Amino acid sequence: MAVISRGAGFCCAILFLCSTTVFAQGPPAPPQPASVDEEVEPRIVGRSGTTLIGVSGFVDRAFSTEKLMPFNYLIQADGVRFVTGHIAIRLGAAGSGSLGGDKDDEAALLTGTGAPALRAFAGGMYFLRPKSMISLYGAGEYWAQLTQRAERDAGSIVFKLGLHAAVSSRASLFAEGGYGVGLSRGSEDELVTRISAQLGVRIRVR
């Protein structure tokens, strides 16, 4: 019995020392969150409130049954603002030069739709998947010719399909093609149509 009592007393002493050590050390400290030096921005096309500024180059040509109009090469600057998660508005201006055309009708080609000129445009865009890195979009725009304008010129409506790809959190590339119709007829009362192809870059500023 004396041996058992000594063993029990020895075990109690060990338990007392262990508990004293644990309470002296206190509970383990919670893990510290990893420090974040800077905010990592998502690489997406855009979202509500996003603003993009772009520069692009493209070719454009107008057609009618009466005239062979020249190819126009253009430099364009535009701004895109997402007003909802999928819908954006676009405003901009473009200046153009020409290449080719009907040399027998050079005087007529100096003015009107299809002539090298400065123009302004405004329209809307709809992005299918704006919160991803790549998105298809459709657009509709009104083009108003500011110089070399014909007397009856009422501008053009242009419809476009495009592909927009984010290459970083700020920069993106886009490519698009368009088809348009003049709102006024040509000098011979003919319908004037146009096609365009465009390639450019945009930078997110907000």
N, C-alpha and C. Protein backbone atom coordinates (compact mmCIF):
# COMPACT_ATOMS: atom_id res chain seq x y z
N MET A 1 0.82 -1.20 0.00
CA MET A 1 0.00 0.00 0.00
C MET A 1 0.85 1.26 0.00
N ALA A 2 1.97 1.18 0.70
CA ALA A 2 2.87 2.33 0.74
C ALA A 2 3.46 2.62 -0.61
N VAL A 3 3.72 1.53 -1.36
CA VAL A 3 4.28 1.72 -2.71
C VAL A 3 3.26 2.40 -3.62
N ILE A 4 1.99 1.96 -3.50
CA ILE A 4 0.93 2.53 -4.34
C ILE A 4 0.74 4.00 -4.01
N SER A 5 0.78 4.32 -2.71
CA SER A 5 0.59 5.72 -2.31
C SER A 5 1.70 6.59 -2.84
N ARG A 6 2.97 6.07 -2.80
CA ARG A 6 4.08 6.86 -3.32
C ARG A 6 3.94 7.07 -4.83
N GLY A 7 3.49 5.98 -5.56
CA GLY A 7 3.32 6.13 -7.02
C GLY A 7 2.25 7.14 -7.38
N ALA A 8 1.13 7.09 -6.60
CA ALA A 8 0.06 8.06 -6.86
C ALA A 8 0.52 9.47 -6.59
N GLY A 9 1.28 9.62 -5.51
CA GLY A 9 1.78 10.97 -5.21
C GLY A 9 2.74 11.46 -6.25
N PHE A 10 3.58 10.59 -6.78
CA PHE A 10 4.53 10.97 -7.83
C PHE A 10 3.81 11.40 -9.10
N CYS A 11 2.76 10.66 -9.50
CA CYS A 11 1.97 11.01 -10.72
C CYS A 11 1.28 12.35 -10.55
N CYS A 12 0.74 12.60 -9.35
CA CYS A 12 0.06 13.88 -9.12
C CYS A 12 1.03 15.04 -9.23
N ALA A 13 2.25 14.81 -8.72
CA ALA A 13 3.26 15.87 -8.80
C ALA A 13 3.61 16.19 -10.24
N ILE A 14 3.74 15.15 -11.09
CA ILE A 14 4.06 15.36 -12.52
C ILE A 14 2.93 16.13 -13.21
N LEU A 15 1.66 15.72 -12.96
CA LEU A 15 0.52 16.41 -13.57
C LEU A 15 0.46 17.87 -13.15
N PHE A 16 0.76 18.14 -11.87
CA PHE A 16 0.74 19.52 -11.38
C PHE A 16 1.80 20.38 -12.08
N LEU A 17 3.00 19.83 -12.27
CA LEU A 17 4.05 20.57 -12.95
C LEU A 17 3.70 20.85 -14.41
N CYS A 18 3.11 19.85 -15.10
CA CYS A 18 2.73 20.04 -16.52
C CYS A 18 1.67 21.11 -16.67
N SER A 19 0.64 21.06 -15.80
CA SER A 19 -0.43 22.07 -15.89
C SER A 19 0.08 23.46 -15.58
N THR A 20 1.01 23.56 -14.63
CA THR A 20 1.59 24.87 -14.30
C THR A 20 2.36 25.44 -15.47
N THR A 21 3.08 24.57 -16.18
CA THR A 21 3.86 25.03 -17.33
C THR A 21 2.95 25.51 -18.46
N VAL A 22 1.86 24.77 -18.71
CA VAL A 22 0.93 25.14 -19.80
C VAL A 22 0.27 26.48 -19.53
N PHE A 23 -0.21 26.67 -18.27
CA PHE A 23 -0.89 27.93 -17.96
C PHE A 23 0.08 29.10 -17.94
N ALA A 24 1.34 28.82 -17.60
CA ALA A 24 2.34 29.89 -17.60
C ALA A 24 2.63 30.38 -19.01
N GLN A 25 2.62 29.45 -19.95
CA GLN A 25 2.90 29.83 -21.34
C GLN A 25 1.71 30.54 -21.99
N GLY A 26 0.51 30.26 -21.55
CA GLY A 26 -0.68 30.88 -22.12
C GLY A 26 -1.11 30.19 -23.40
N PRO A 27 -2.28 30.56 -23.96
CA PRO A 27 -2.77 29.94 -25.20
C PRO A 27 -1.89 30.31 -26.39
N PRO A 28 -1.83 29.42 -27.39
CA PRO A 28 -1.00 29.72 -28.56
C PRO A 28 -1.49 30.96 -29.29
N ALA A 29 -0.55 31.77 -29.80
CA ALA A 29 -0.91 33.01 -30.50
C ALA A 29 -1.57 32.68 -31.84
N PRO A 30 -2.61 33.44 -32.20
CA PRO A 30 -3.27 33.19 -33.50
C PRO A 30 -2.32 33.48 -34.65
N PRO A 31 -2.47 32.75 -35.77
CA PRO A 31 -1.59 32.99 -36.91
C PRO A 31 -1.76 34.39 -37.48
N GLN A 32 -0.67 35.03 -37.82
CA GLN A 32 -0.70 36.39 -38.38
C GLN A 32 -1.01 36.33 -39.87
N PRO A 33 -1.90 37.20 -40.35
CA PRO A 33 -2.19 37.21 -41.79
C PRO A 33 -0.97 37.65 -42.59
N ALA A 34 -0.88 37.08 -43.78
CA ALA A 34 0.24 37.44 -44.66
C ALA A 34 0.13 38.91 -45.05
N SER A 35 1.21 39.62 -44.99
CA SER A 35 1.21 41.04 -45.34
C SER A 35 1.05 41.21 -46.84
N VAL A 36 0.26 42.20 -47.21
CA VAL A 36 0.01 42.48 -48.62
C VAL A 36 0.59 43.85 -48.93
N ASP A 37 1.58 43.88 -49.75
CA ASP A 37 2.26 45.14 -50.05
C ASP A 37 1.41 46.06 -50.90
N GLU A 38 0.67 45.48 -51.87
CA GLU A 38 -0.16 46.30 -52.76
C GLU A 38 -1.35 45.49 -53.23
N GLU A 39 -2.38 46.18 -53.61
CA GLU A 39 -3.59 45.52 -54.09
C GLU A 39 -3.35 44.92 -55.47
N VAL A 40 -3.75 43.67 -55.62
CA VAL A 40 -3.60 43.00 -56.91
C VAL A 40 -4.89 43.20 -57.70
N GLU A 41 -4.83 43.89 -58.82
CA GLU A 41 -6.02 44.20 -59.60
C GLU A 41 -6.33 43.05 -60.55
N PRO A 42 -7.61 42.76 -60.74
CA PRO A 42 -7.96 41.65 -61.63
C PRO A 42 -7.70 41.98 -63.09
N ARG A 43 -7.36 40.97 -63.86
CA ARG A 43 -7.15 41.14 -65.29
C ARG A 43 -8.45 40.80 -66.00
N ILE A 44 -9.31 41.80 -66.13
CA ILE A 44 -10.61 41.63 -66.77
C ILE A 44 -10.82 42.73 -67.80
N VAL A 45 -11.82 42.52 -68.67
CA VAL A 45 -12.13 43.53 -69.69
C VAL A 45 -12.70 44.78 -69.06
N GLY A 46 -13.65 44.63 -68.15
CA GLY A 46 -14.25 45.79 -67.51
C GLY A 46 -15.43 45.42 -66.65
N ARG A 47 -15.88 46.37 -65.85
CA ARG A 47 -17.06 46.22 -65.02
C ARG A 47 -17.69 47.59 -64.84
N SER A 48 -18.83 47.64 -64.18
CA SER A 48 -19.54 48.91 -64.02
C SER A 48 -18.63 49.96 -63.39
N GLY A 49 -18.50 51.12 -64.05
CA GLY A 49 -17.65 52.19 -63.59
C GLY A 49 -16.29 52.24 -64.23
N THR A 50 -15.91 51.20 -64.97
CA THR A 50 -14.60 51.18 -65.63
C THR A 50 -14.56 52.19 -66.78
N THR A 51 -13.44 52.91 -66.90
CA THR A 51 -13.23 53.86 -68.00
C THR A 51 -11.96 53.46 -68.75
N LEU A 52 -12.04 53.39 -70.07
CA LEU A 52 -10.92 53.03 -70.92
C LEU A 52 -10.66 54.14 -71.93
N ILE A 53 -9.38 54.41 -72.19
CA ILE A 53 -8.98 55.35 -73.23
C ILE A 53 -8.21 54.55 -74.29
N GLY A 54 -8.60 54.71 -75.56
CA GLY A 54 -8.01 53.89 -76.61
C GLY A 54 -7.47 54.67 -77.78
N VAL A 55 -6.51 54.06 -78.47
CA VAL A 55 -5.96 54.56 -79.73
C VAL A 55 -5.94 53.39 -80.70
N SER A 56 -6.35 53.63 -81.92
CA SER A 56 -6.42 52.53 -82.89
C SER A 56 -6.19 53.04 -84.30
N GLY A 57 -5.92 52.11 -85.18
CA GLY A 57 -5.82 52.39 -86.61
C GLY A 57 -6.69 51.42 -87.36
N PHE A 58 -7.30 51.87 -88.45
CA PHE A 58 -8.12 50.95 -89.24
C PHE A 58 -8.30 51.47 -90.65
N VAL A 59 -8.84 50.59 -91.48
CA VAL A 59 -9.15 50.95 -92.86
C VAL A 59 -10.67 50.96 -93.02
N ASP A 60 -11.13 51.81 -93.91
CA ASP A 60 -12.56 52.00 -94.11
C ASP A 60 -12.80 52.29 -95.59
N ARG A 61 -13.90 51.76 -96.14
CA ARG A 61 -14.21 52.06 -97.53
C ARG A 61 -15.72 52.14 -97.72
N ALA A 62 -16.16 53.14 -98.45
CA ALA A 62 -17.57 53.32 -98.76
C ALA A 62 -17.84 52.86 -100.19
N PHE A 63 -19.05 52.35 -100.41
CA PHE A 63 -19.44 51.82 -101.71
C PHE A 63 -20.79 52.40 -102.12
N SER A 64 -20.97 52.53 -103.43
CA SER A 64 -22.29 52.83 -103.98
C SER A 64 -22.33 52.26 -105.39
N THR A 65 -23.52 52.26 -105.97
CA THR A 65 -23.65 51.75 -107.33
C THR A 65 -23.12 52.72 -108.38
N GLU A 66 -22.84 53.98 -107.98
CA GLU A 66 -22.42 55.00 -108.92
C GLU A 66 -20.94 55.35 -108.81
N LYS A 67 -20.30 55.07 -107.65
CA LYS A 67 -18.93 55.50 -107.44
C LYS A 67 -18.08 54.39 -106.84
N LEU A 68 -16.82 54.37 -107.22
CA LEU A 68 -15.83 53.54 -106.57
C LEU A 68 -15.01 54.46 -105.67
N MET A 69 -15.29 54.43 -104.38
CA MET A 69 -14.68 55.35 -103.44
C MET A 69 -13.35 54.78 -102.94
N PRO A 70 -12.44 55.65 -102.49
CA PRO A 70 -11.12 55.18 -102.10
C PRO A 70 -11.11 54.47 -100.75
N PHE A 71 -10.07 53.65 -100.54
CA PHE A 71 -9.80 53.14 -99.20
C PHE A 71 -9.33 54.31 -98.33
N ASN A 72 -9.86 54.38 -97.13
CA ASN A 72 -9.41 55.38 -96.16
C ASN A 72 -8.63 54.67 -95.05
N TYR A 73 -7.48 55.21 -94.70
CA TYR A 73 -6.76 54.72 -93.53
C TYR A 73 -6.92 55.77 -92.44
N LEU A 74 -7.21 55.33 -91.23
CA LEU A 74 -7.61 56.25 -90.17
C LEU A 74 -6.82 56.01 -88.89
N ILE A 75 -6.66 57.09 -88.14
CA ILE A 75 -6.16 57.05 -86.78
C ILE A 75 -7.29 57.54 -85.88
N GLN A 76 -7.60 56.75 -84.86
CA GLN A 76 -8.76 57.05 -84.03
C GLN A 76 -8.39 57.10 -82.56
N ALA A 77 -9.01 58.02 -81.82
CA ALA A 77 -8.91 58.07 -80.36
C ALA A 77 -10.32 58.00 -79.80
N ASP A 78 -10.50 57.20 -78.75
CA ASP A 78 -11.85 57.06 -78.20
C ASP A 78 -11.80 56.85 -76.70
N GLY A 79 -12.94 57.01 -76.07
CA GLY A 79 -13.12 56.74 -74.66
C GLY A 79 -14.30 55.81 -74.48
N VAL A 80 -14.15 54.80 -73.61
CA VAL A 80 -15.20 53.82 -73.34
C VAL A 80 -15.52 53.86 -71.85
N ARG A 81 -16.80 53.95 -71.52
CA ARG A 81 -17.23 53.99 -70.13
C ARG A 81 -18.32 52.93 -69.89
N PHE A 82 -18.05 51.98 -68.99
CA PHE A 82 -19.04 50.97 -68.64
C PHE A 82 -20.08 51.60 -67.71
N VAL A 83 -21.33 51.63 -68.16
CA VAL A 83 -22.41 52.19 -67.35
C VAL A 83 -23.16 51.10 -66.59
N THR A 84 -23.04 49.84 -67.03
CA THR A 84 -23.55 48.68 -66.29
C THR A 84 -22.48 47.59 -66.41
N GLY A 85 -22.79 46.40 -65.91
CA GLY A 85 -21.84 45.31 -66.00
C GLY A 85 -21.55 44.87 -67.42
N HIS A 86 -22.47 45.09 -68.36
CA HIS A 86 -22.30 44.63 -69.74
C HIS A 86 -22.33 45.75 -70.78
N ILE A 87 -22.93 46.88 -70.46
CA ILE A 87 -23.16 47.94 -71.45
C ILE A 87 -22.18 49.08 -71.23
N ALA A 88 -21.58 49.55 -72.32
CA ALA A 88 -20.65 50.69 -72.27
C ALA A 88 -21.02 51.68 -73.36
N ILE A 89 -20.66 52.94 -73.15
CA ILE A 89 -20.82 53.96 -74.19
C ILE A 89 -19.43 54.33 -74.71
N ARG A 90 -19.38 54.69 -75.99
CA ARG A 90 -18.09 55.04 -76.60
C ARG A 90 -18.23 56.36 -77.35
N LEU A 91 -17.27 57.26 -77.14
CA LEU A 91 -17.19 58.55 -77.82
C LEU A 91 -15.78 58.69 -78.38
N GLY A 92 -15.66 59.34 -79.55
CA GLY A 92 -14.32 59.52 -80.09
C GLY A 92 -14.31 60.32 -81.37
N ALA A 93 -13.11 60.42 -81.94
CA ALA A 93 -12.90 61.14 -83.19
C ALA A 93 -11.85 60.40 -84.00
N ALA A 94 -11.91 60.56 -85.32
CA ALA A 94 -10.98 59.88 -86.21
C ALA A 94 -10.64 60.79 -87.38
N GLY A 95 -9.39 60.73 -87.82
CA GLY A 95 -8.94 61.45 -89.00
C GLY A 95 -8.41 60.47 -90.02
N SER A 96 -8.61 60.74 -91.30
CA SER A 96 -8.28 59.76 -92.33
C SER A 96 -7.56 60.37 -93.53
N GLY A 97 -6.84 59.50 -94.22
CA GLY A 97 -6.28 59.79 -95.53
C GLY A 97 -6.84 58.76 -96.51
N SER A 98 -6.51 58.84 -97.79
CA SER A 98 -7.12 57.94 -98.77
C SER A 98 -6.06 57.27 -99.64
N LEU A 99 -6.49 56.16 -100.21
CA LEU A 99 -5.64 55.40 -101.11
C LEU A 99 -6.51 54.78 -102.18
N GLY A 100 -6.26 55.10 -103.45
CA GLY A 100 -7.03 54.51 -104.54
C GLY A 100 -8.30 55.27 -104.82
N GLY A 101 -9.24 54.60 -105.48
CA GLY A 101 -10.50 55.22 -105.86
C GLY A 101 -10.58 55.43 -107.37
N ASP A 102 -11.69 56.01 -107.80
CA ASP A 102 -11.94 56.27 -109.22
C ASP A 102 -11.25 57.58 -109.61
N LYS A 103 -10.16 57.51 -110.36
CA LYS A 103 -9.38 58.70 -110.74
C LYS A 103 -10.15 59.61 -111.68
N ASP A 104 -11.15 59.10 -112.38
CA ASP A 104 -11.94 59.92 -113.29
C ASP A 104 -12.98 60.77 -112.55
N ASP A 105 -13.12 60.51 -111.26
CA ASP A 105 -14.14 61.24 -110.50
C ASP A 105 -13.52 61.86 -109.24
N GLU A 106 -12.30 62.37 -109.39
CA GLU A 106 -11.58 62.87 -108.22
C GLU A 106 -12.28 64.06 -107.57
N ALA A 107 -12.86 64.94 -108.37
CA ALA A 107 -13.52 66.13 -107.81
C ALA A 107 -14.69 65.74 -106.92
N ALA A 108 -15.47 64.73 -107.36
CA ALA A 108 -16.63 64.30 -106.58
C ALA A 108 -16.20 63.62 -105.29
N LEU A 109 -15.02 63.00 -105.29
CA LEU A 109 -14.55 62.27 -104.12
C LEU A 109 -13.96 63.18 -103.05
N LEU A 110 -13.84 64.48 -103.32
CA LEU A 110 -13.26 65.40 -102.35
C LEU A 110 -14.22 65.72 -101.22
N THR A 111 -15.50 65.45 -101.40
CA THR A 111 -16.49 65.71 -100.36
C THR A 111 -17.42 64.51 -100.26
N GLY A 112 -18.19 64.49 -99.15
CA GLY A 112 -19.21 63.46 -98.99
C GLY A 112 -18.71 62.20 -98.30
N THR A 113 -19.61 61.24 -98.13
CA THR A 113 -19.29 59.96 -97.51
C THR A 113 -18.20 59.25 -98.28
N GLY A 114 -17.20 58.78 -97.58
CA GLY A 114 -16.10 58.08 -98.22
C GLY A 114 -14.91 58.94 -98.51
N ALA A 115 -15.05 60.26 -98.43
CA ALA A 115 -13.92 61.17 -98.65
C ALA A 115 -13.04 61.20 -97.41
N PRO A 116 -11.70 61.39 -97.58
CA PRO A 116 -10.82 61.55 -96.41
C PRO A 116 -11.27 62.77 -95.60
N ALA A 117 -11.47 62.60 -94.31
CA ALA A 117 -12.06 63.67 -93.51
C ALA A 117 -11.82 63.41 -92.03
N LEU A 118 -12.20 64.41 -91.24
CA LEU A 118 -12.24 64.27 -89.79
C LEU A 118 -13.68 64.02 -89.39
N ARG A 119 -13.90 63.04 -88.52
CA ARG A 119 -15.26 62.74 -88.10
C ARG A 119 -15.31 62.44 -86.61
N ALA A 120 -16.50 62.61 -86.04
CA ALA A 120 -16.76 62.27 -84.64
C ALA A 120 -17.80 61.15 -84.62
N PHE A 121 -17.80 60.39 -83.55
CA PHE A 121 -18.75 59.29 -83.47
C PHE A 121 -19.15 59.05 -82.01
N ALA A 122 -20.30 58.42 -81.83
CA ALA A 122 -20.81 58.08 -80.51
C ALA A 122 -21.68 56.84 -80.66
N GLY A 123 -21.66 55.99 -79.63
CA GLY A 123 -22.47 54.78 -79.72
C GLY A 123 -22.44 53.97 -78.44
N GLY A 124 -23.04 52.80 -78.51
CA GLY A 124 -23.09 51.89 -77.38
C GLY A 124 -22.46 50.55 -77.72
N MET A 125 -22.00 49.85 -76.68
CA MET A 125 -21.36 48.56 -76.83
C MET A 125 -21.97 47.59 -75.82
N TYR A 126 -22.09 46.32 -76.24
CA TYR A 126 -22.57 45.28 -75.33
C TYR A 126 -21.54 44.17 -75.29
N PHE A 127 -20.96 43.90 -74.10
CA PHE A 127 -19.95 42.88 -73.91
C PHE A 127 -20.59 41.61 -73.36
N LEU A 128 -20.26 40.46 -73.96
CA LEU A 128 -20.85 39.20 -73.52
C LEU A 128 -20.27 38.76 -72.17
N ARG A 129 -18.95 38.84 -72.00
CA ARG A 129 -18.30 38.37 -70.76
C ARG A 129 -17.27 39.41 -70.29
N PRO A 130 -17.72 40.56 -69.82
CA PRO A 130 -16.78 41.63 -69.49
C PRO A 130 -15.89 41.33 -68.29
N LYS A 131 -16.30 40.44 -67.38
CA LYS A 131 -15.50 40.16 -66.19
C LYS A 131 -14.51 39.01 -66.40
N SER A 132 -14.24 38.69 -67.65
CA SER A 132 -13.23 37.70 -67.99
C SER A 132 -12.10 38.39 -68.74
N MET A 133 -11.05 37.64 -69.08
CA MET A 133 -9.90 38.23 -69.78
C MET A 133 -10.20 38.51 -71.24
N ILE A 134 -11.14 37.77 -71.85
CA ILE A 134 -11.47 37.94 -73.27
C ILE A 134 -12.99 37.99 -73.40
N SER A 135 -13.48 38.92 -74.20
CA SER A 135 -14.92 39.02 -74.39
C SER A 135 -15.25 39.45 -75.81
N LEU A 136 -16.25 38.83 -76.38
CA LEU A 136 -16.84 39.31 -77.64
C LEU A 136 -17.79 40.46 -77.32
N TYR A 137 -17.96 41.37 -78.28
CA TYR A 137 -18.90 42.46 -78.08
C TYR A 137 -19.53 42.88 -79.40
N GLY A 138 -20.67 43.49 -79.30
CA GLY A 138 -21.34 44.10 -80.43
C GLY A 138 -21.51 45.59 -80.16
N ALA A 139 -21.53 46.40 -81.22
CA ALA A 139 -21.62 47.85 -81.04
C ALA A 139 -22.43 48.47 -82.17
N GLY A 140 -23.04 49.58 -81.85
CA GLY A 140 -23.72 50.40 -82.84
C GLY A 140 -23.29 51.84 -82.65
N GLU A 141 -22.94 52.54 -83.75
CA GLU A 141 -22.40 53.89 -83.65
C GLU A 141 -23.01 54.81 -84.70
N TYR A 142 -23.07 56.09 -84.36
CA TYR A 142 -23.41 57.13 -85.33
C TYR A 142 -22.13 57.87 -85.69
N TRP A 143 -21.79 57.95 -86.98
CA TRP A 143 -20.62 58.66 -87.47
C TRP A 143 -21.07 59.97 -88.11
N ALA A 144 -20.50 61.07 -87.67
CA ALA A 144 -20.80 62.39 -88.25
C ALA A 144 -19.53 62.96 -88.85
N GLN A 145 -19.57 63.27 -90.13
CA GLN A 145 -18.41 63.83 -90.82
C GLN A 145 -18.30 65.32 -90.52
N LEU A 146 -17.15 65.75 -90.02
CA LEU A 146 -16.96 67.14 -89.62
C LEU A 146 -16.34 68.00 -90.70
N THR A 147 -15.51 67.41 -91.58
CA THR A 147 -14.90 68.14 -92.70
C THR A 147 -15.22 67.40 -93.99
N GLN A 148 -15.03 68.10 -95.11
CA GLN A 148 -15.33 67.53 -96.44
C GLN A 148 -16.76 66.98 -96.50
N ARG A 149 -17.66 67.67 -95.85
CA ARG A 149 -19.04 67.20 -95.74
C ARG A 149 -19.86 67.64 -96.95
N ALA A 150 -20.61 66.70 -97.52
CA ALA A 150 -21.51 67.03 -98.62
C ALA A 150 -22.72 67.79 -98.10
N GLU A 151 -23.39 68.50 -98.99
CA GLU A 151 -24.51 69.35 -98.58
C GLU A 151 -25.63 68.55 -97.93
N ARG A 152 -25.90 67.34 -98.44
CA ARG A 152 -27.02 66.55 -97.92
C ARG A 152 -26.57 65.48 -96.94
N ASP A 153 -25.33 65.48 -96.54
CA ASP A 153 -24.80 64.40 -95.71
C ASP A 153 -25.42 64.43 -94.31
N ALA A 154 -26.03 63.30 -93.92
CA ALA A 154 -26.64 63.18 -92.59
C ALA A 154 -25.89 62.17 -91.72
N GLY A 155 -24.70 61.77 -92.14
CA GLY A 155 -23.93 60.82 -91.35
C GLY A 155 -24.26 59.38 -91.67
N SER A 156 -23.70 58.48 -90.89
CA SER A 156 -23.88 57.04 -91.12
C SER A 156 -24.14 56.33 -89.81
N ILE A 157 -24.83 55.20 -89.90
CA ILE A 157 -25.00 54.28 -88.79
C ILE A 157 -24.13 53.06 -89.09
N VAL A 158 -23.28 52.67 -88.13
CA VAL A 158 -22.34 51.58 -88.34
C VAL A 158 -22.53 50.54 -87.23
N PHE A 159 -22.62 49.28 -87.63
CA PHE A 159 -22.74 48.17 -86.69
C PHE A 159 -21.44 47.39 -86.70
N LYS A 160 -20.97 46.98 -85.50
CA LYS A 160 -19.66 46.34 -85.38
C LYS A 160 -19.72 45.09 -84.52
N LEU A 161 -18.82 44.16 -84.81
CA LEU A 161 -18.54 43.01 -83.97
C LEU A 161 -17.07 43.04 -83.62
N GLY A 162 -16.74 42.77 -82.36
CA GLY A 162 -15.34 42.87 -81.96
C GLY A 162 -14.95 41.86 -80.91
N LEU A 163 -13.64 41.78 -80.67
CA LEU A 163 -13.05 40.93 -79.64
C LEU A 163 -12.11 41.79 -78.82
N HIS A 164 -12.30 41.78 -77.49
CA HIS A 164 -11.52 42.60 -76.57
C HIS A 164 -10.79 41.66 -75.61
N ALA A 165 -9.47 41.84 -75.46
CA ALA A 165 -8.66 40.96 -74.61
C ALA A 165 -7.79 41.77 -73.68
N ALA A 166 -7.86 41.48 -72.37
CA ALA A 166 -7.02 42.14 -71.38
C ALA A 166 -5.66 41.45 -71.33
N VAL A 167 -4.58 42.21 -71.56
CA VAL A 167 -3.23 41.65 -71.52
C VAL A 167 -2.54 41.95 -70.20
N SER A 168 -3.11 42.86 -69.39
CA SER A 168 -2.64 43.14 -68.03
C SER A 168 -3.81 43.76 -67.29
N SER A 169 -3.58 44.15 -66.02
CA SER A 169 -4.66 44.76 -65.26
C SER A 169 -5.04 46.13 -65.80
N ARG A 170 -4.19 46.73 -66.63
CA ARG A 170 -4.45 48.07 -67.18
C ARG A 170 -4.63 48.08 -68.69
N ALA A 171 -3.85 47.31 -69.42
CA ALA A 171 -3.82 47.38 -70.89
C ALA A 171 -4.64 46.26 -71.51
N SER A 172 -5.24 46.56 -72.65
CA SER A 172 -6.02 45.58 -73.40
C SER A 172 -5.91 45.86 -74.90
N LEU A 173 -6.14 44.83 -75.68
CA LEU A 173 -6.13 44.92 -77.14
C LEU A 173 -7.53 44.62 -77.66
N PHE A 174 -7.86 45.20 -78.81
CA PHE A 174 -9.16 44.89 -79.41
C PHE A 174 -9.05 44.88 -80.92
N ALA A 175 -9.92 44.09 -81.55
CA ALA A 175 -10.03 44.03 -83.00
C ALA A 175 -11.51 43.96 -83.34
N GLU A 176 -11.91 44.68 -84.38
CA GLU A 176 -13.32 44.70 -84.74
C GLU A 176 -13.51 44.96 -86.23
N GLY A 177 -14.66 44.54 -86.72
CA GLY A 177 -15.07 44.82 -88.09
C GLY A 177 -16.46 45.41 -88.09
N GLY A 178 -16.74 46.26 -89.08
CA GLY A 178 -18.03 46.94 -89.09
C GLY A 178 -18.64 47.06 -90.47
N TYR A 179 -19.96 47.26 -90.49
CA TYR A 179 -20.71 47.50 -91.72
C TYR A 179 -21.68 48.63 -91.44
N GLY A 180 -21.70 49.63 -92.34
CA GLY A 180 -22.54 50.80 -92.12
C GLY A 180 -23.36 51.21 -93.33
N VAL A 181 -24.34 52.03 -93.06
CA VAL A 181 -25.23 52.55 -94.10
C VAL A 181 -25.36 54.05 -93.92
N GLY A 182 -25.23 54.82 -95.02
CA GLY A 182 -25.40 56.27 -94.98
C GLY A 182 -26.85 56.64 -94.75
N LEU A 183 -27.10 57.67 -93.92
CA LEU A 183 -28.47 58.12 -93.66
C LEU A 183 -28.99 59.03 -94.76
N SER A 184 -28.12 59.47 -95.64
CA SER A 184 -28.55 60.24 -96.82
C SER A 184 -27.98 59.58 -98.06
N ARG A 185 -28.65 59.72 -99.18
CA ARG A 185 -28.21 59.09 -100.42
C ARG A 185 -27.15 59.95 -101.11
N GLY A 186 -26.46 59.33 -102.06
CA GLY A 186 -25.41 60.01 -102.79
C GLY A 186 -25.94 61.03 -103.77
N SER A 187 -25.01 61.62 -104.52
CA SER A 187 -25.38 62.68 -105.47
C SER A 187 -26.28 62.17 -106.58
N GLU A 188 -26.23 60.87 -106.86
CA GLU A 188 -27.10 60.27 -107.89
C GLU A 188 -28.28 59.53 -107.26
N ASP A 189 -28.60 59.89 -105.99
CA ASP A 189 -29.70 59.28 -105.25
C ASP A 189 -29.47 57.79 -105.01
N GLU A 190 -28.21 57.40 -104.88
CA GLU A 190 -27.89 55.99 -104.66
C GLU A 190 -27.64 55.73 -103.18
N LEU A 191 -27.84 54.50 -102.75
CA LEU A 191 -27.56 54.10 -101.38
C LEU A 191 -26.05 53.94 -101.20
N VAL A 192 -25.54 54.48 -100.10
CA VAL A 192 -24.10 54.42 -99.81
C VAL A 192 -23.89 53.52 -98.59
N THR A 193 -23.06 52.51 -98.74
CA THR A 193 -22.71 51.62 -97.63
C THR A 193 -21.21 51.68 -97.39
N ARG A 194 -20.75 51.13 -96.27
CA ARG A 194 -19.32 51.15 -95.97
C ARG A 194 -18.96 49.95 -95.10
N ILE A 195 -17.69 49.55 -95.17
CA ILE A 195 -17.15 48.50 -94.32
C ILE A 195 -15.88 49.04 -93.65
N SER A 196 -15.53 48.46 -92.50
CA SER A 196 -14.33 48.91 -91.80
C SER A 196 -13.70 47.74 -91.06
N ALA A 197 -12.40 47.81 -90.87
CA ALA A 197 -11.66 46.85 -90.05
C ALA A 197 -10.72 47.64 -89.16
N GLN A 198 -10.62 47.24 -87.89
CA GLN A 198 -9.95 48.08 -86.91
C GLN A 198 -9.14 47.25 -85.92
N LEU A 199 -7.99 47.78 -85.50
CA LEU A 199 -7.13 47.13 -84.51
C LEU A 199 -6.55 48.21 -83.61
N GLY A 200 -6.59 48.00 -82.27
CA GLY A 200 -6.11 49.05 -81.38
C GLY A 200 -5.81 48.56 -79.98
N VAL A 201 -5.46 49.51 -79.12
CA VAL A 201 -5.12 49.23 -77.72
C VAL A 201 -5.89 50.20 -76.84
N ARG A 202 -6.27 49.74 -75.65
CA ARG A 202 -6.94 50.60 -74.68
C ARG A 202 -6.26 50.47 -73.33
N ILE A 203 -6.27 51.58 -72.57
CA ILE A 203 -5.68 51.63 -71.25
C ILE A 203 -6.76 51.99 -70.25
N ARG A 204 -6.86 51.23 -69.18
CA ARG A 204 -7.84 51.53 -68.15
C ARG A 204 -7.33 52.65 -67.26
N VAL A 205 -8.13 53.69 -67.13
CA VAL A 205 -7.75 54.85 -66.31
C VAL A 205 -8.55 54.91 -65.02
N ARG A 206 -9.58 54.07 -64.94
CA ARG A 206 -10.37 54.04 -63.70
C ARG A 206 -11.06 52.72 -63.57
